[in-house]
Amino acid sequence: MQLKKSLIKTTAIVTTKHCLICGRLIKPQTIYANYKVCASCYRRLPFIYQRTKIDDVKCLAIYEYSGLIKEMLLSLKVRGDIELAKAFLTPIKAYLISEYQGYQIIPIPSQIKQDQRRGFNHVVEIFKVLKLPIKNILIKNKDWKQSDQSFKNRSKIRNILSLKGKINVHSKILLVDDILTTGETMLAAIKLLQNLGVKKIAVLVVARRC
């Protein structure tokens, strides 16, 4: 898979004065300096702020899975450009921290082999910028890639997900993932937590396929 390297720079050139996405210098004393994303890249981010519900649980998708966001996720997941992880949420970090104050993050698990290959879990790295506690306690019982499954088989994820370790059922849980497609994986995680007695659950995803 080939990515447009001219659009997304590697971590080697990125400093606090440079755009996390393209590497260009950001003008000081502008809102983009706080975003750590230049004006040009910011305008290309496909914001949708889509609010929906998954089994009566509130879900917020920040971007449409297209254009620059699609390129960024591929660069992060395939090329392992870990510095790029900070670019997804930093432009709206203040809003998200206010919205989810007091929540504990639980990421949807990715494939272990992919995490081992790149050396990190890309979802965890993306959501670290929110400075919320992260408990990586959801696991898949077997090697299962949801995007490889037929529409009929995707509901079987409910038998694949399980919990390792304990969870405080009185905690406010924020389930997070990079891409929301059918919502079956997220629904399975919600049901798992609800069956354990968790009452307060919200969902936040980077992007949604529209």
Protein backbone atom coordinates (compact mmCIF):
# COMPACT_ATOMS: atom_id res chain seq x y z
CA MET A 1 0.00 0.00 0.00
CA GLN A 2 1.54 3.29 -1.11
CA LEU A 3 0.85 6.53 0.72
CA LYS A 4 1.38 10.09 -0.46
CA LYS A 5 4.59 10.83 1.36
CA SER A 6 4.53 14.44 0.17
CA LEU A 7 1.43 15.09 2.29
CA ILE A 8 2.43 13.40 5.51
CA LYS A 9 5.94 13.86 6.89
CA THR A 10 7.85 11.46 9.09
CA THR A 11 8.42 12.14 12.78
CA ALA A 12 12.08 13.03 12.22
CA ILE A 13 11.35 16.62 11.18
CA VAL A 14 8.51 17.41 13.59
CA THR A 15 9.12 19.94 16.37
CA THR A 16 6.76 21.91 18.59
CA LYS A 17 6.77 24.68 15.94
CA HIS A 18 5.95 22.36 13.06
CA CYS A 19 2.65 20.89 11.90
CA LEU A 20 2.27 17.33 13.15
CA ILE A 21 0.83 16.31 9.79
CA CYS A 22 2.85 17.97 7.02
CA GLY A 23 5.85 19.35 8.92
CA ARG A 24 5.37 22.97 7.84
CA LEU A 25 6.16 25.79 10.25
CA ILE A 26 3.07 27.04 12.08
CA LYS A 27 2.63 30.76 12.52
CA PRO A 28 3.02 31.68 16.21
CA GLN A 29 0.25 33.40 18.17
CA THR A 30 -2.51 31.78 16.12
CA ILE A 31 -5.05 29.16 17.10
CA TYR A 32 -3.17 26.71 14.89
CA ALA A 33 -0.14 26.92 17.17
CA ASN A 34 -2.34 25.44 19.92
CA TYR A 35 -3.76 22.87 17.52
CA LYS A 36 -0.21 21.87 16.46
CA VAL A 37 -1.67 21.56 12.97
CA CYS A 38 -1.13 24.20 10.28
CA ALA A 39 -4.03 26.15 8.75
CA SER A 40 -3.73 24.28 5.46
CA CYS A 41 -3.97 20.81 7.05
CA TYR A 42 -6.70 21.94 9.46
CA ARG A 43 -8.91 22.99 6.53
CA ARG A 44 -8.47 19.54 4.99
CA LEU A 45 -9.58 17.63 8.09
CA PRO A 46 -13.06 16.17 7.35
CA PHE A 47 -14.80 17.12 10.61
CA ILE A 48 -18.36 15.79 10.97
CA TYR A 49 -18.96 15.73 14.76
CA GLN A 50 -21.62 13.09 14.17
CA ARG A 51 -23.62 12.20 17.28
CA THR A 52 -25.51 8.92 17.20
CA LYS A 53 -26.46 6.14 19.60
CA ILE A 54 -25.39 2.52 19.77
CA ASP A 55 -27.92 0.60 21.83
CA ASP A 56 -28.89 3.85 23.64
CA VAL A 57 -25.23 4.65 24.37
CA LYS A 58 -24.15 8.07 23.11
CA CYS A 59 -21.53 7.94 20.38
CA LEU A 60 -19.47 10.79 18.90
CA ALA A 61 -17.54 10.42 15.64
CA ILE A 62 -15.18 13.32 15.03
CA TYR A 63 -14.25 12.84 11.39
CA GLU A 64 -15.48 11.17 8.24
CA TYR A 65 -13.18 8.32 7.24
CA SER A 66 -11.97 9.92 4.03
CA GLY A 67 -9.33 12.23 2.60
CA LEU A 68 -6.60 13.38 4.93
CA ILE A 69 -7.87 11.42 7.95
CA LYS A 70 -7.81 8.19 5.96
CA GLU A 71 -4.24 8.93 4.83
CA MET A 72 -3.19 9.74 8.40
CA LEU A 73 -4.62 6.54 9.84
CA LEU A 74 -2.93 4.46 7.16
CA SER A 75 0.38 6.22 7.82
CA LEU A 76 0.04 5.61 11.55
CA LYS A 77 -1.03 1.97 11.25
CA VAL A 78 1.04 0.85 8.26
CA ARG A 79 4.18 3.01 8.44
CA GLY A 80 4.21 3.25 12.22
CA ASP A 81 4.44 7.08 12.25
CA ILE A 82 3.74 7.32 15.98
CA GLU A 83 4.24 11.10 16.19
CA LEU A 84 1.24 11.47 13.90
CA ALA A 85 -1.01 9.98 16.61
CA LYS A 86 -0.99 13.34 18.41
CA ALA A 87 -2.52 15.13 15.41
CA PHE A 88 -5.97 13.53 15.47
CA LEU A 89 -7.36 14.92 18.73
CA THR A 90 -5.04 17.84 19.60
CA PRO A 91 -7.05 20.40 17.55
CA ILE A 92 -10.14 19.70 19.71
CA LYS A 93 -8.42 18.39 22.82
CA ALA A 94 -9.81 21.06 25.16
CA TYR A 95 -13.39 20.34 24.10
CA LEU A 96 -13.00 16.56 24.46
CA ILE A 97 -11.35 16.84 27.89
CA SER A 98 -14.28 18.96 29.06
CA GLU A 99 -16.85 16.63 27.49
CA TYR A 100 -15.42 13.45 29.02
CA GLN A 101 -14.10 14.70 32.35
CA GLY A 102 -14.04 11.91 34.91
CA TYR A 103 -14.22 9.11 32.34
CA GLN A 104 -11.88 6.14 32.08
CA ILE A 105 -10.83 5.08 28.58
CA ILE A 106 -11.13 1.49 27.42
CA PRO A 107 -9.91 0.98 23.83
CA ILE A 108 -11.37 -1.58 21.45
CA PRO A 109 -8.59 -4.15 20.96
CA SER A 110 -6.71 -4.32 17.67
CA GLN A 111 -4.87 -7.32 16.28
CA ILE A 112 -1.97 -8.29 18.55
CA LYS A 113 0.28 -9.17 15.59
CA GLN A 114 -0.18 -5.69 14.10
CA ASP A 115 0.58 -4.02 17.44
CA GLN A 116 3.72 -6.12 17.80
CA ARG A 117 4.85 -5.33 14.25
CA ARG A 118 4.56 -1.55 14.66
CA GLY A 119 5.63 -1.57 18.32
CA PHE A 120 2.57 0.18 19.75
CA ASN A 121 -1.23 0.16 19.86
CA HIS A 122 -2.33 2.97 17.55
CA VAL A 123 -5.68 3.55 19.29
CA VAL A 124 -4.01 3.95 22.69
CA GLU A 125 -1.49 6.40 21.23
CA ILE A 126 -4.23 8.52 19.62
CA PHE A 127 -6.22 8.89 22.85
CA LYS A 128 -3.25 9.50 25.16
CA VAL A 129 -3.49 13.23 24.41
CA LEU A 130 -6.72 13.45 26.45
CA LYS A 131 -4.75 12.69 29.63
CA LEU A 132 -7.50 10.36 30.87
CA PRO A 133 -6.71 7.01 32.55
CA ILE A 134 -6.52 4.22 29.98
CA LYS A 135 -7.28 0.59 30.86
CA ASN A 136 -6.36 -1.74 28.01
CA ILE A 137 -8.45 -4.62 29.35
CA LEU A 138 -10.59 -5.71 26.42
CA ILE A 139 -9.13 -8.64 24.50
CA LYS A 140 -10.04 -10.88 21.58
CA ASN A 141 -10.14 -14.59 22.38
CA LYS A 142 -8.74 -15.44 18.95
CA ASP A 143 -7.16 -13.72 15.96
CA TRP A 144 -10.10 -11.87 14.43
CA LYS A 145 -10.07 -8.91 12.06
CA GLN A 146 -13.55 -7.47 11.81
CA SER A 147 -12.95 -5.77 8.46
CA ASP A 148 -12.13 -9.16 6.91
CA GLN A 149 -15.48 -10.65 7.93
CA SER A 150 -18.64 -10.84 5.86
CA PHE A 151 -21.59 -8.70 6.96
CA LYS A 152 -23.28 -11.84 8.29
CA ASN A 153 -20.26 -12.92 10.33
CA ARG A 154 -19.56 -9.53 11.93
CA SER A 155 -22.08 -10.12 14.73
CA LYS A 156 -19.92 -13.07 15.87
CA ILE A 157 -17.54 -10.55 17.46
CA ARG A 158 -19.80 -10.81 20.51
CA ASN A 159 -18.32 -14.25 21.15
CA ILE A 160 -14.77 -13.07 20.55
CA LEU A 161 -14.45 -10.17 23.03
CA SER A 162 -13.72 -10.72 26.71
CA LEU A 163 -12.31 -8.81 29.66
CA LYS A 164 -8.96 -9.35 31.32
CA GLY A 165 -8.65 -8.01 34.84
CA LYS A 166 -11.24 -6.25 36.99
CA ILE A 167 -13.29 -3.14 36.40
CA ASN A 168 -15.09 -0.83 38.79
CA VAL A 169 -18.72 -1.02 37.64
CA HIS A 170 -19.35 2.43 39.11
CA SER A 171 -16.74 4.02 36.81
CA LYS A 172 -17.65 6.18 33.84
CA ILE A 173 -16.34 4.27 30.82
CA LEU A 174 -15.38 5.81 27.49
CA LEU A 175 -15.06 3.15 24.79
CA VAL A 176 -12.77 4.36 22.00
CA ASP A 177 -11.69 3.17 18.56
CA ASP A 178 -10.19 4.57 15.38
CA ILE A 179 -12.90 3.68 12.83
CA LEU A 180 -16.60 2.88 13.25
CA THR A 181 -18.17 0.90 10.42
CA THR A 182 -21.16 -1.31 11.26
CA GLY A 183 -20.85 -0.75 15.00
CA GLU A 184 -20.96 -4.48 15.79
CA THR A 185 -17.64 -4.51 17.66
CA MET A 186 -18.61 -1.48 19.71
CA LEU A 187 -22.02 -3.00 20.46
CA ALA A 188 -20.33 -6.20 21.64
CA ALA A 189 -18.10 -4.20 24.01
CA ILE A 190 -21.07 -2.24 25.33
CA LYS A 191 -23.06 -5.42 26.03
CA LEU A 192 -20.07 -7.00 27.75
CA LEU A 193 -19.67 -4.03 30.10
CA GLN A 194 -23.41 -3.72 30.73
CA ASN A 195 -23.63 -7.40 31.62
CA LEU A 196 -20.93 -6.79 34.23
CA GLY A 197 -23.04 -4.00 35.72
CA VAL A 198 -21.42 -0.88 34.26
CA LYS A 199 -24.06 1.86 34.04
CA LYS A 200 -22.26 4.89 32.59
CA ILE A 201 -20.83 4.26 29.10
CA ALA A 202 -20.03 6.61 26.22
CA VAL A 203 -18.40 5.98 22.85
CA LEU A 204 -15.85 8.15 21.06
CA VAL A 205 -14.35 7.26 17.68
CA VAL A 206 -11.86 9.10 15.52
CA ALA A 207 -13.70 8.49 12.25
CA ARG A 208 -16.82 6.93 10.81
CA ARG A 209 -17.34 5.40 7.40
CA CYS A 210 -20.16 7.42 5.84
